[in-house]
């Protein structure tokens, strides 16, 4: 599993302030972001980041704070939700040395189940 991620975040509207260089600089301030390219005409933000330091969810939040309106089509909402879910698990796995973060310690779970907790 690679800690370097590349994602396209679709948006419907760019902020009224500044332009691509200023917007890209704002997103680049996030720890872990290594590259940002924003194409306002296409409504696309290509971002490269280190999953050990940030997740797409944080980048989306910063886009919204900067004035972007994200694409809220069903396809994009499902895609973003899936990325959030998988990145949370991948990040935990990378940080904790390849244990299954979504399942935890199976023996401990079974022990608690038997105890009725």
PDB file of N, CA and C in Angstrom:
ATOM      1  N   UNK A   1       0.843  -1.174   0.000  1.00  0.00           N
ATOM      2  CA  UNK A   1       0.000   0.000   0.000  1.00  0.00           C
ATOM      3  C   UNK A   1       0.891   1.240   0.000  1.00  0.00           C
ATOM      4  N   UNK A   2       0.548   2.179  -0.852  1.00  0.00           N
ATOM      5  CA  UNK A   2       1.338   3.389  -1.010  1.00  0.00           C
ATOM      6  C   UNK A   2       0.711   4.536  -0.219  1.00  0.00           C
ATOM      7  N   UNK A   3       1.526   5.307   0.461  1.00  0.00           N
ATOM      8  CA  UNK A   3       1.026   6.434   1.249  1.00  0.00           C
ATOM      9  C   UNK A   3       0.758   7.657   0.371  1.00  0.00           C
ATOM     10  N   UNK A   4       1.293   7.680  -0.851  1.00  0.00           N
ATOM     11  CA  UNK A   4       1.089   8.808  -1.750  1.00  0.00           C
ATOM     12  C   UNK A   4      -0.208   8.600  -2.534  1.00  0.00           C
ATOM     13  N   UNK A   5      -1.119   9.551  -2.423  1.00  0.00           N
ATOM     14  CA  UNK A   5      -2.430   9.464  -3.071  1.00  0.00           C
ATOM     15  C   UNK A   5      -2.585  10.563  -4.100  1.00  0.00           C
ATOM     16  N   UNK A   6      -3.356  10.271  -5.154  1.00  0.00           N
ATOM     17  CA  UNK A   6      -3.708  11.233  -6.195  1.00  0.00           C
ATOM     18  C   UNK A   6      -5.216  11.153  -6.374  1.00  0.00           C
ATOM     19  N   UNK A   7      -5.900  12.274  -6.234  1.00  0.00           N
ATOM     20  CA  UNK A   7      -7.352  12.270  -6.417  1.00  0.00           C
ATOM     21  C   UNK A   7      -7.795  13.525  -7.152  1.00  0.00           C
ATOM     22  N   UNK A   8      -8.895  13.367  -7.872  1.00  0.00           N
ATOM     23  CA  UNK A   8      -9.579  14.485  -8.505  1.00  0.00           C
ATOM     24  C   UNK A   8     -10.791  14.803  -7.643  1.00  0.00           C
ATOM     25  N   UNK A   9     -10.893  16.040  -7.223  1.00  0.00           N
ATOM     26  CA  UNK A   9     -12.052  16.485  -6.461  1.00  0.00           C
ATOM     27  C   UNK A   9     -12.822  17.435  -7.380  1.00  0.00           C
ATOM     28  N   UNK A  10     -14.037  17.049  -7.703  1.00  0.00           N
ATOM     29  CA  UNK A  10     -14.863  17.835  -8.620  1.00  0.00           C
ATOM     30  C   UNK A  10     -15.602  18.931  -7.857  1.00  0.00           C
ATOM     31  N   UNK A  11     -15.690  20.106  -8.466  1.00  0.00           N
ATOM     32  CA  UNK A  11     -16.445  21.202  -7.868  1.00  0.00           C
ATOM     33  C   UNK A  11     -17.318  21.876  -8.918  1.00  0.00           C
ATOM     34  N   UNK A  12     -18.409  22.489  -8.436  1.00  0.00           N
ATOM     35  CA  UNK A  12     -19.340  23.177  -9.334  1.00  0.00           C
ATOM     36  C   UNK A  12     -18.975  24.639  -9.504  1.00  0.00           C
ATOM     37  N   UNK A  13     -18.367  25.200  -8.468  1.00  0.00           N
ATOM     38  CA  UNK A  13     -18.098  26.631  -8.503  1.00  0.00           C
ATOM     39  C   UNK A  13     -16.809  26.942  -7.758  1.00  0.00           C
ATOM     40  N   UNK A  14     -16.005  27.797  -8.364  1.00  0.00           N
ATOM     41  CA  UNK A  14     -14.764  28.249  -7.730  1.00  0.00           C
ATOM     42  C   UNK A  14     -15.056  29.503  -6.912  1.00  0.00           C
ATOM     43  N   UNK A  15     -14.169  29.861  -5.991  1.00  0.00           N
ATOM     44  CA  UNK A  15     -14.364  31.069  -5.195  1.00  0.00           C
ATOM     45  C   UNK A  15     -14.370  32.330  -6.068  1.00  0.00           C
ATOM     46  N   UNK A  16     -14.954  33.387  -5.539  1.00  0.00           N
ATOM     47  CA  UNK A  16     -14.990  34.646  -6.280  1.00  0.00           C
ATOM     48  C   UNK A  16     -13.676  35.418  -6.117  1.00  0.00           C
ATOM     49  N   UNK A  17     -12.888  35.076  -5.127  1.00  0.00           N
ATOM     50  CA  UNK A  17     -11.610  35.743  -4.886  1.00  0.00           C
ATOM     51  C   UNK A  17     -10.475  35.023  -5.605  1.00  0.00           C
ATOM     52  N   UNK A  18      -9.460  35.757  -5.974  1.00  0.00           N
ATOM     53  CA  UNK A  18      -8.222  35.180  -6.496  1.00  0.00           C
ATOM     54  C   UNK A  18      -8.377  34.403  -7.783  1.00  0.00           C
ATOM     55  N   UNK A  19      -7.404  33.538  -7.995  1.00  0.00           N
ATOM     56  CA  UNK A  19      -7.363  32.665  -9.163  1.00  0.00           C
ATOM     57  C   UNK A  19      -6.640  31.386  -8.812  1.00  0.00           C
ATOM     58  N   UNK A  20      -6.403  30.559  -9.801  1.00  0.00           N
ATOM     59  CA  UNK A  20      -5.804  29.235  -9.571  1.00  0.00           C
ATOM     60  C   UNK A  20      -4.515  29.294  -8.733  1.00  0.00           C
ATOM     61  N   UNK A  21      -3.578  30.199  -8.998  1.00  0.00           N
ATOM     62  CA  UNK A  21      -2.349  30.206  -8.182  1.00  0.00           C
ATOM     63  C   UNK A  21      -2.616  30.435  -6.686  1.00  0.00           C
ATOM     64  N   UNK A  22      -3.534  31.364  -6.372  1.00  0.00           N
ATOM     65  CA  UNK A  22      -3.855  31.641  -4.970  1.00  0.00           C
ATOM     66  C   UNK A  22      -4.589  30.462  -4.329  1.00  0.00           C
ATOM     67  N   UNK A  23      -5.523  29.881  -5.066  1.00  0.00           N
ATOM     68  CA  UNK A  23      -6.283  28.738  -4.542  1.00  0.00           C
ATOM     69  C   UNK A  23      -5.352  27.553  -4.289  1.00  0.00           C
ATOM     70  N   UNK A  24      -4.461  27.299  -5.259  1.00  0.00           N
ATOM     71  CA  UNK A  24      -3.516  26.187  -5.127  1.00  0.00           C
ATOM     72  C   UNK A  24      -2.589  26.405  -3.931  1.00  0.00           C
ATOM     73  N   UNK A  25      -2.162  27.651  -3.721  1.00  0.00           N
ATOM     74  CA  UNK A  25      -1.303  27.959  -2.571  1.00  0.00           C
ATOM     75  C   UNK A  25      -2.047  27.696  -1.265  1.00  0.00           C
ATOM     76  N   UNK A  26      -3.330  28.032  -1.217  1.00  0.00           N
ATOM     77  CA  UNK A  26      -4.137  27.815  -0.007  1.00  0.00           C
ATOM     78  C   UNK A  26      -4.225  26.322   0.317  1.00  0.00           C
ATOM     79  N   UNK A  27      -4.454  25.494  -0.687  1.00  0.00           N
ATOM     80  CA  UNK A  27      -4.570  24.045  -0.471  1.00  0.00           C
ATOM     81  C   UNK A  27      -3.198  23.454  -0.147  1.00  0.00           C
ATOM     82  N   UNK A  28      -2.146  24.000  -0.742  1.00  0.00           N
ATOM     83  CA  UNK A  28      -0.787  23.500  -0.491  1.00  0.00           C
ATOM     84  C   UNK A  28      -0.328  23.729   0.942  1.00  0.00           C
ATOM     85  N   UNK A  29      -1.018  24.608   1.675  1.00  0.00           N
ATOM     86  CA  UNK A  29      -0.667  24.859   3.078  1.00  0.00           C
ATOM     87  C   UNK A  29      -0.960  23.656   3.970  1.00  0.00           C
ATOM     88  N   UNK A  30      -1.815  22.757   3.513  1.00  0.00           N
ATOM     89  CA  UNK A  30      -2.170  21.580   4.308  1.00  0.00           C
ATOM     90  C   UNK A  30      -0.957  20.667   4.403  1.00  0.00           C
ATOM     91  N   UNK A  31      -0.618  20.272   5.617  1.00  0.00           N
ATOM     92  CA  UNK A  31       0.515  19.374   5.815  1.00  0.00           C
ATOM     93  C   UNK A  31       0.266  18.066   5.077  1.00  0.00           C
ATOM     94  N   UNK A  32       1.213  17.639   4.268  1.00  0.00           N
ATOM     95  CA  UNK A  32       1.101  16.395   3.524  1.00  0.00           C
ATOM     96  C   UNK A  32       0.763  16.584   2.063  1.00  0.00           C
ATOM     97  N   UNK A  33       0.218  17.738   1.690  1.00  0.00           N
ATOM     98  CA  UNK A  33      -0.111  18.002   0.288  1.00  0.00           C
ATOM     99  C   UNK A  33       1.176  18.328  -0.448  1.00  0.00           C
ATOM    100  N   UNK A  34       1.435  17.588  -1.530  1.00  0.00           N
ATOM    101  CA  UNK A  34       2.674  17.763  -2.270  1.00  0.00           C
ATOM    102  C   UNK A  34       2.475  18.439  -3.624  1.00  0.00           C
ATOM    103  N   UNK A  35       1.232  18.372  -4.152  1.00  0.00           N
ATOM    104  CA  UNK A  35       0.970  19.000  -5.451  1.00  0.00           C
ATOM    105  C   UNK A  35      -0.518  19.291  -5.571  1.00  0.00           C
ATOM    106  N   UNK A  36      -0.839  20.436  -6.167  1.00  0.00           N
ATOM    107  CA  UNK A  36      -2.231  20.819  -6.402  1.00  0.00           C
ATOM    108  C   UNK A  36      -2.320  21.467  -7.775  1.00  0.00           C
ATOM    109  N   UNK A  37      -3.337  21.075  -8.539  1.00  0.00           N
ATOM    110  CA  UNK A  37      -3.619  21.733  -9.807  1.00  0.00           C
ATOM    111  C   UNK A  37      -5.120  21.960  -9.877  1.00  0.00           C
ATOM    112  N   UNK A  38      -5.533  23.203 -10.033  1.00  0.00           N
ATOM    113  CA  UNK A  38      -6.951  23.518 -10.096  1.00  0.00           C
ATOM    114  C   UNK A  38      -7.282  24.048 -11.484  1.00  0.00           C
ATOM    115  N   UNK A  39      -8.277  23.438 -12.107  1.00  0.00           N
ATOM    116  CA  UNK A  39      -8.778  23.866 -13.410  1.00  0.00           C
ATOM    117  C   UNK A  39     -10.219  24.333 -13.203  1.00  0.00           C
ATOM    118  N   UNK A  40     -10.397  25.653 -13.086  1.00  0.00           N
ATOM    119  CA  UNK A  40     -11.718  26.215 -12.795  1.00  0.00           C
ATOM    120  C   UNK A  40     -12.708  25.964 -13.934  1.00  0.00           C
ATOM    121  N   UNK A  41     -12.234  25.970 -15.175  1.00  0.00           N
ATOM    122  CA  UNK A  41     -13.127  25.749 -16.312  1.00  0.00           C
ATOM    123  C   UNK A  41     -13.719  24.343 -16.307  1.00  0.00           C
ATOM    124  N   UNK A  42     -12.934  23.374 -15.916  1.00  0.00           N
ATOM    125  CA  UNK A  42     -13.401  21.981 -15.875  1.00  0.00           C
ATOM    126  C   UNK A  42     -14.008  21.606 -14.521  1.00  0.00           C
ATOM    127  N   UNK A  43     -13.836  22.466 -13.521  1.00  0.00           N
ATOM    128  CA  UNK A  43     -14.339  22.157 -12.189  1.00  0.00           C
ATOM    129  C   UNK A  43     -13.602  20.994 -11.560  1.00  0.00           C
ATOM    130  N   UNK A  44     -12.271  21.027 -11.669  1.00  0.00           N
ATOM    131  CA  UNK A  44     -11.465  19.894 -11.232  1.00  0.00           C
ATOM    132  C   UNK A  44     -10.271  20.360 -10.405  1.00  0.00           C
ATOM    133  N   UNK A  45     -10.083  19.690  -9.288  1.00  0.00           N
ATOM    134  CA  UNK A  45      -8.909  19.917  -8.449  1.00  0.00           C
ATOM    135  C   UNK A  45      -8.162  18.595  -8.352  1.00  0.00           C
ATOM    136  N   UNK A  46      -6.977  18.544  -8.942  1.00  0.00           N
ATOM    137  CA  UNK A  46      -6.119  17.364  -8.831  1.00  0.00           C
ATOM    138  C   UNK A  46      -5.180  17.612  -7.671  1.00  0.00           C
ATOM    139  N   UNK A  47      -5.176  16.694  -6.729  1.00  0.00           N
ATOM    140  CA  UNK A  47      -4.343  16.874  -5.546  1.00  0.00           C
ATOM    141  C   UNK A  47      -3.549  15.601  -5.279  1.00  0.00           C
ATOM    142  N   UNK A  48      -2.288  15.785  -4.899  1.00  0.00           N
ATOM    143  CA  UNK A  48      -1.404  14.685  -4.521  1.00  0.00           C
ATOM    144  C   UNK A  48      -1.004  14.938  -3.076  1.00  0.00           C
ATOM    145  N   UNK A  49      -1.088  13.894  -2.246  1.00  0.00           N
ATOM    146  CA  UNK A  49      -0.807  14.077  -0.824  1.00  0.00           C
ATOM    147  C   UNK A  49      -0.348  12.775  -0.191  1.00  0.00           C
ATOM    148  N   UNK A  50       0.285  12.936   0.972  1.00  0.00           N
ATOM    149  CA  UNK A  50       0.770  11.808   1.751  1.00  0.00           C
ATOM    150  C   UNK A  50      -0.314  11.406   2.744  1.00  0.00           C
ATOM    151  N   UNK A  51      -0.823  10.209   2.604  1.00  0.00           N
ATOM    152  CA  UNK A  51      -1.913   9.725   3.449  1.00  0.00           C
ATOM    153  C   UNK A  51      -1.525   9.637   4.922  1.00  0.00           C
ATOM    154  N   UNK A  52      -0.260   9.543   5.217  1.00  0.00           N
ATOM    155  CA  UNK A  52       0.173   9.515   6.612  1.00  0.00           C
ATOM    156  C   UNK A  52       0.007  10.879   7.283  1.00  0.00           C
ATOM    157  N   UNK A  53      -0.121  11.937   6.480  1.00  0.00           N
ATOM    158  CA  UNK A  53      -0.201  13.283   7.039  1.00  0.00           C
ATOM    159  C   UNK A  53      -1.565  13.941   6.870  1.00  0.00           C
ATOM    160  N   UNK A  54      -2.338  13.534   5.895  1.00  0.00           N
ATOM    161  CA  UNK A  54      -3.673  14.109   5.705  1.00  0.00           C
ATOM    162  C   UNK A  54      -4.532  13.161   4.877  1.00  0.00           C
ATOM    163  N   UNK A  55      -5.823  13.467   4.819  1.00  0.00           N
ATOM    164  CA  UNK A  55      -6.760  12.676   4.019  1.00  0.00           C
ATOM    165  C   UNK A  55      -7.549  13.608   3.108  1.00  0.00           C
ATOM    166  N   UNK A  56      -8.184  13.037   2.111  1.00  0.00           N
ATOM    167  CA  UNK A  56      -8.963  13.837   1.168  1.00  0.00           C
ATOM    168  C   UNK A  56     -10.039  14.648   1.879  1.00  0.00           C
ATOM    169  N   UNK A  57     -10.610  14.099   2.921  1.00  0.00           N
ATOM    170  CA  UNK A  57     -11.660  14.784   3.666  1.00  0.00           C
ATOM    171  C   UNK A  57     -11.180  16.161   4.166  1.00  0.00           C
ATOM    172  N   UNK A  58      -9.952  16.230   4.637  1.00  0.00           N
ATOM    173  CA  UNK A  58      -9.387  17.494   5.112  1.00  0.00           C
ATOM    174  C   UNK A  58      -9.199  18.478   3.949  1.00  0.00           C
ATOM    175  N   UNK A  59      -8.787  17.963   2.818  1.00  0.00           N
ATOM    176  CA  UNK A  59      -8.590  18.807   1.630  1.00  0.00           C
ATOM    177  C   UNK A  59      -9.935  19.357   1.152  1.00  0.00           C
ATOM    178  N   UNK A  60     -10.966  18.531   1.150  1.00  0.00           N
ATOM    179  CA  UNK A  60     -12.309  18.984   0.771  1.00  0.00           C
ATOM    180  C   UNK A  60     -12.787  20.089   1.712  1.00  0.00           C
ATOM    181  N   UNK A  61     -12.548  19.912   2.999  1.00  0.00           N
ATOM    182  CA  UNK A  61     -12.940  20.919   3.990  1.00  0.00           C
ATOM    183  C   UNK A  61     -12.257  22.257   3.697  1.00  0.00           C
ATOM    184  N   UNK A  62     -10.963  22.204   3.367  1.00  0.00           N
ATOM    185  CA  UNK A  62     -10.221  23.434   3.064  1.00  0.00           C
ATOM    186  C   UNK A  62     -10.743  24.075   1.783  1.00  0.00           C
ATOM    187  N   UNK A  63     -11.102  23.251   0.786  1.00  0.00           N
ATOM    188  CA  UNK A  63     -11.684  23.804  -0.440  1.00  0.00           C
ATOM    189  C   UNK A  63     -12.972  24.564  -0.130  1.00  0.00           C
ATOM    190  N   UNK A  64     -13.824  23.965   0.678  1.00  0.00           N
ATOM    191  CA  UNK A  64     -15.094  24.595   1.045  1.00  0.00           C
ATOM    192  C   UNK A  64     -14.844  25.890   1.820  1.00  0.00           C
ATOM    193  N   UNK A  65     -13.904  25.857   2.765  1.00  0.00           N
ATOM    194  CA  UNK A  65     -13.563  27.059   3.539  1.00  0.00           C
ATOM    195  C   UNK A  65     -13.050  28.175   2.629  1.00  0.00           C
ATOM    196  N   UNK A  66     -12.366  27.796   1.550  1.00  0.00           N
ATOM    197  CA  UNK A  66     -11.818  28.784   0.614  1.00  0.00           C
ATOM    198  C   UNK A  66     -12.896  29.353  -0.315  1.00  0.00           C
ATOM    199  N   UNK A  67     -14.088  28.739  -0.328  1.00  0.00           N
ATOM    200  CA  UNK A  67     -15.177  29.252  -1.153  1.00  0.00           C
ATOM    201  C   UNK A  67     -15.595  28.369  -2.314  1.00  0.00           C
ATOM    202  N   UNK A  68     -14.994  27.195  -2.435  1.00  0.00           N
ATOM    203  CA  UNK A  68     -15.399  26.272  -3.496  1.00  0.00           C
ATOM    204  C   UNK A  68     -16.743  25.630  -3.136  1.00  0.00           C
ATOM    205  N   UNK A  69     -17.530  25.354  -4.155  1.00  0.00           N
ATOM    206  CA  UNK A  69     -18.770  24.602  -3.979  1.00  0.00           C
ATOM    207  C   UNK A  69     -18.532  23.249  -4.645  1.00  0.00           C
ATOM    208  N   UNK A  70     -18.466  22.190  -3.840  1.00  0.00           N
ATOM    209  CA  UNK A  70     -18.181  20.859  -4.371  1.00  0.00           C
ATOM    210  C   UNK A  70     -19.344  20.334  -5.195  1.00  0.00           C
ATOM    211  N   UNK A  71     -19.024  19.470  -6.151  1.00  0.00           N
ATOM    212  CA  UNK A  71     -20.038  18.796  -6.970  1.00  0.00           C
ATOM    213  C   UNK A  71     -20.828  17.873  -6.051  1.00  0.00           C
ATOM    214  N   UNK A  72     -22.125  18.065  -5.963  1.00  0.00           N
ATOM    215  CA  UNK A  72     -22.971  17.266  -5.073  1.00  0.00           C
ATOM    216  C   UNK A  72     -23.808  16.234  -5.833  1.00  0.00           C
ATOM    217  N   UNK A  73     -23.378  15.884  -7.042  1.00  0.00           N
ATOM    218  CA  UNK A  73     -24.096  14.841  -7.779  1.00  0.00           C
ATOM    219  C   UNK A  73     -23.953  13.522  -7.018  1.00  0.00           C
ATOM    220  N   UNK A  74     -24.887  12.632  -7.216  1.00  0.00           N
ATOM    221  CA  UNK A  74     -24.854  11.343  -6.516  1.00  0.00           C
ATOM    222  C   UNK A  74     -23.533  10.626  -6.755  1.00  0.00           C
ATOM    223  N   UNK A  75     -23.080  10.618  -7.985  1.00  0.00           N
ATOM    224  CA  UNK A  75     -21.821   9.939  -8.324  1.00  0.00           C
ATOM    225  C   UNK A  75     -20.659  10.496  -7.501  1.00  0.00           C
ATOM    226  N   UNK A  76     -20.539  11.819  -7.425  1.00  0.00           N
ATOM    227  CA  UNK A  76     -19.431  12.432  -6.690  1.00  0.00           C
ATOM    228  C   UNK A  76     -19.560  12.240  -5.186  1.00  0.00           C
ATOM    229  N   UNK A  77     -20.775  12.314  -4.655  1.00  0.00           N
ATOM    230  CA  UNK A  77     -20.973  12.105  -3.217  1.00  0.00           C
ATOM    231  C   UNK A  77     -20.612  10.675  -2.822  1.00  0.00           C
ATOM    232  N   UNK A  78     -21.008   9.697  -3.647  1.00  0.00           N
ATOM    233  CA  UNK A  78     -20.665   8.302  -3.361  1.00  0.00           C
ATOM    234  C   UNK A  78     -19.156   8.103  -3.465  1.00  0.00           C
ATOM    235  N   UNK A  79     -18.559   8.674  -4.501  1.00  0.00           N
ATOM    236  CA  UNK A  79     -17.108   8.553  -4.683  1.00  0.00           C
ATOM    237  C   UNK A  79     -16.356   9.134  -3.483  1.00  0.00           C
ATOM    238  N   UNK A  80     -16.748  10.335  -3.047  1.00  0.00           N
ATOM    239  CA  UNK A  80     -16.072  10.952  -1.895  1.00  0.00           C
ATOM    240  C   UNK A  80     -16.281  10.137  -0.622  1.00  0.00           C
ATOM    241  N   UNK A  81     -17.483   9.625  -0.433  1.00  0.00           N
ATOM    242  CA  UNK A  81     -17.751   8.795   0.741  1.00  0.00           C
ATOM    243  C   UNK A  81     -16.885   7.547   0.761  1.00  0.00           C
ATOM    244  N   UNK A  82     -16.738   6.925  -0.397  1.00  0.00           N
ATOM    245  CA  UNK A  82     -15.910   5.715  -0.495  1.00  0.00           C
ATOM    246  C   UNK A  82     -14.445   6.048  -0.208  1.00  0.00           C
ATOM    247  N   UNK A  83     -13.965   7.153  -0.761  1.00  0.00           N
ATOM    248  CA  UNK A  83     -12.579   7.566  -0.516  1.00  0.00           C
ATOM    249  C   UNK A  83     -12.369   7.830   0.972  1.00  0.00           C
ATOM    250  N   UNK A  84     -13.311   8.511   1.623  1.00  0.00           N
ATOM    251  CA  UNK A  84     -13.184   8.787   3.065  1.00  0.00           C
ATOM    252  C   UNK A  84     -13.081   7.480   3.855  1.00  0.00           C
ATOM    253  N   UNK A  85     -13.951   6.544   3.543  1.00  0.00           N
ATOM    254  CA  UNK A  85     -13.968   5.257   4.253  1.00  0.00           C
ATOM    255  C   UNK A  85     -12.657   4.497   4.049  1.00  0.00           C
ATOM    256  N   UNK A  86     -12.239   4.352   2.805  1.00  0.00           N
ATOM    257  CA  UNK A  86     -11.029   3.567   2.538  1.00  0.00           C
ATOM    258  C   UNK A  86      -9.782   4.257   3.083  1.00  0.00           C
ATOM    259  N   UNK A  87      -9.718   5.584   2.978  1.00  0.00           N
ATOM    260  CA  UNK A  87      -8.529   6.276   3.474  1.00  0.00           C
ATOM    261  C   UNK A  87      -8.405   6.180   4.985  1.00  0.00           C
ATOM    262  N   UNK A  88      -9.511   6.224   5.682  1.00  0.00           N
ATOM    263  CA  UNK A  88      -9.459   6.083   7.141  1.00  0.00           C
ATOM    264  C   UNK A  88      -8.831   4.744   7.511  1.00  0.00           C
ATOM    265  N   UNK A  89      -9.241   3.686   6.829  1.00  0.00           N
ATOM    266  CA  UNK A  89      -8.687   2.365   7.102  1.00  0.00           C
ATOM    267  C   UNK A  89      -7.245   2.234   6.624  1.00  0.00           C
ATOM    268  N   UNK A  90      -6.946   2.754   5.439  1.00  0.00           N
ATOM    269  CA  UNK A  90      -5.580   2.681   4.921  1.00  0.00           C
ATOM    270  C   UNK A  90      -4.620   3.460   5.818  1.00  0.00           C
ATOM    271  N   UNK A  91      -5.045   4.635   6.261  1.00  0.00           N
ATOM    272  CA  UNK A  91      -4.197   5.451   7.123  1.00  0.00           C
ATOM    273  C   UNK A  91      -3.906   4.726   8.435  1.00  0.00           C
ATOM    274  N   UNK A  92      -4.921   4.129   9.015  1.00  0.00           N
ATOM    275  CA  UNK A  92      -4.726   3.382  10.260  1.00  0.00           C
ATOM    276  C   UNK A  92      -3.779   2.206  10.034  1.00  0.00           C
ATOM    277  N   UNK A  93      -3.941   1.536   8.919  1.00  0.00           N
ATOM    278  CA  UNK A  93      -3.070   0.396   8.615  1.00  0.00           C
ATOM    279  C   UNK A  93      -1.624   0.850   8.432  1.00  0.00           C
ATOM    280  N   UNK A  94      -1.417   1.954   7.740  1.00  0.00           N
ATOM    281  CA  UNK A  94      -0.060   2.465   7.538  1.00  0.00           C
ATOM    282  C   UNK A  94       0.575   2.889   8.858  1.00  0.00           C
ATOM    283  N   UNK A  95      -0.210   3.516   9.724  1.00  0.00           N
ATOM    284  CA  UNK A  95       0.319   4.004  10.998  1.00  0.00           C
ATOM    285  C   UNK A  95       0.564   2.892  12.005  1.00  0.00           C
ATOM    286  N   UNK A  96      -0.187   1.801  11.902  1.00  0.00           N
ATOM    287  CA  UNK A  96      -0.105   0.748  12.918  1.00  0.00           C
ATOM    288  C   UNK A  96       0.482  -0.557  12.403  1.00  0.00           C
ATOM    289  N   UNK A  97       1.197  -0.493  11.318  1.00  0.00           N
ATOM    290  CA  UNK A  97       1.978  -1.637  10.878  1.00  0.00           C
ATOM    291  C   UNK A  97       1.216  -2.835  10.345  1.00  0.00           C
ATOM    292  N   UNK A  98       0.325  -2.582   9.408  1.00  0.00           N
ATOM    293  CA  UNK A  98      -0.318  -3.670   8.659  1.00  0.00           C
ATOM    294  C   UNK A  98      -1.284  -4.542   9.443  1.00  0.00           C
ATOM    295  N   UNK A  99      -1.790  -4.101  10.576  1.00  0.00           N
ATOM    296  CA  UNK A  99      -2.866  -4.846  11.233  1.00  0.00           C
ATOM    297  C   UNK A  99      -4.165  -4.406  10.592  1.00  0.00           C
ATOM    298  N   UNK A 100      -5.162  -5.212  10.627  1.00  0.00           N
ATOM    299  CA  UNK A 100      -6.433  -4.887   9.990  1.00  0.00           C
ATOM    300  C   UNK A 100      -7.200  -3.891  10.860  1.00  0.00           C
ATOM    301  N   UNK A 101      -7.133  -2.589  10.544  1.00  0.00           N
ATOM    302  CA  UNK A 101      -7.745  -1.586  11.401  1.00  0.00           C
ATOM    303  C   UNK A 101      -9.262  -1.695  11.467  1.00  0.00           C
ATOM    304  N   UNK A 102      -9.874  -2.177  10.410  1.00  0.00           N
ATOM    305  CA  UNK A 102     -11.332  -2.257  10.413  1.00  0.00           C
ATOM    306  C   UNK A 102     -11.821  -3.409  11.285  1.00  0.00           C
ATOM    307  N   UNK A 103     -10.971  -4.343  11.530  1.00  0.00           N
ATOM    308  CA  UNK A 103     -11.384  -5.531  12.296  1.00  0.00           C
ATOM    309  C   UNK A 103     -10.799  -5.560  13.697  1.00  0.00           C
ATOM    310  N   UNK A 104      -9.721  -4.821  13.910  1.00  0.00           N
ATOM    311  CA  UNK A 104      -9.100  -4.808  15.225  1.00  0.00           C
ATOM    312  C   UNK A 104      -8.501  -6.161  15.575  1.00  0.00           C
ATOM    313  N   UNK A 105      -8.354  -6.398  16.838  1.00  0.00           N
ATOM    314  CA  UNK A 105      -7.803  -7.639  17.344  1.00  0.00           C
ATOM    315  C   UNK A 105      -8.945  -8.658  17.424  1.00  0.00           C
ATOM    316  N   UNK A 106      -8.955  -9.616  16.525  1.00  0.00           N
ATOM    317  CA  UNK A 106     -10.053 -10.583  16.433  1.00  0.00           C
ATOM    318  C   UNK A 106     -10.200 -11.381  17.728  1.00  0.00           C
ATOM    319  N   UNK A 107      -9.099 -11.759  18.346  1.00  0.00           N
ATOM    320  CA  UNK A 107      -9.175 -12.524  19.592  1.00  0.00           C
ATOM    321  C   UNK A 107      -9.826 -11.698  20.701  1.00  0.00           C
ATOM    322  N   UNK A 108      -9.479 -10.419  20.769  1.00  0.00           N
ATOM    323  CA  UNK A 108     -10.067  -9.531  21.784  1.00  0.00           C
ATOM    324  C   UNK A 108     -11.561  -9.341  21.528  1.00  0.00           C
ATOM    325  N   UNK A 109     -11.937  -9.193  20.287  1.00  0.00           N
ATOM    326  CA  UNK A 109     -13.355  -9.045  19.939  1.00  0.00           C
ATOM    327  C   UNK A 109     -14.129 -10.294  20.344  1.00  0.00           C
ATOM    328  N   UNK A 110     -13.570 -11.454  20.045  1.00  0.00           N
ATOM    329  CA  UNK A 110     -14.235 -12.715  20.393  1.00  0.00           C
ATOM    330  C   UNK A 110     -14.331 -12.876  21.910  1.00  0.00           C
ATOM    331  N   UNK A 111     -13.281 -12.511  22.633  1.00  0.00           N
ATOM    332  CA  UNK A 111     -13.294 -12.595  24.093  1.00  0.00           C
ATOM    333  C   UNK A 111     -14.412 -11.712  24.666  1.00  0.00           C
ATOM    334  N   UNK A 112     -14.530 -10.502  24.169  1.00  0.00           N
ATOM    335  CA  UNK A 112     -15.558  -9.592  24.645  1.00  0.00           C
ATOM    336  C   UNK A 112     -16.962 -10.108  24.295  1.00  0.00           C
ATOM    337  N   UNK A 113     -17.104 -10.702  23.119  1.00  0.00           N
ATOM    338  CA  UNK A 113     -18.401 -11.248  22.703  1.00  0.00           C
ATOM    339  C   UNK A 113     -18.839 -12.349  23.670  1.00  0.00           C
ATOM    340  N   UNK A 114     -17.909 -13.199  24.039  1.00  0.00           N
ATOM    341  CA  UNK A 114     -18.221 -14.300  24.951  1.00  0.00           C
ATOM    342  C   UNK A 114     -18.571 -13.787  26.330  1.00  0.00           C
ATOM    343  N   UNK A 115     -18.002 -12.659  26.728  1.00  0.00           N
ATOM    344  CA  UNK A 115     -18.288 -12.079  28.034  1.00  0.00           C
ATOM    345  C   UNK A 115     -19.599 -11.269  28.018  1.00  0.00           C
ATOM    346  N   UNK A 116     -20.175 -11.110  26.841  1.00  0.00           N
ATOM    347  CA  UNK A 116     -21.436 -10.374  26.724  1.00  0.00           C
ATOM    348  C   UNK A 116     -21.274  -8.875  26.690  1.00  0.00           C
ATOM    349  N   UNK A 117     -20.123  -8.392  26.270  1.00  0.00           N
ATOM    350  CA  UNK A 117     -19.879  -6.936  26.193  1.00  0.00           C
ATOM    351  C   UNK A 117     -19.872  -6.478  24.781  1.00  0.00           C
TER     352      UNK A 117
END
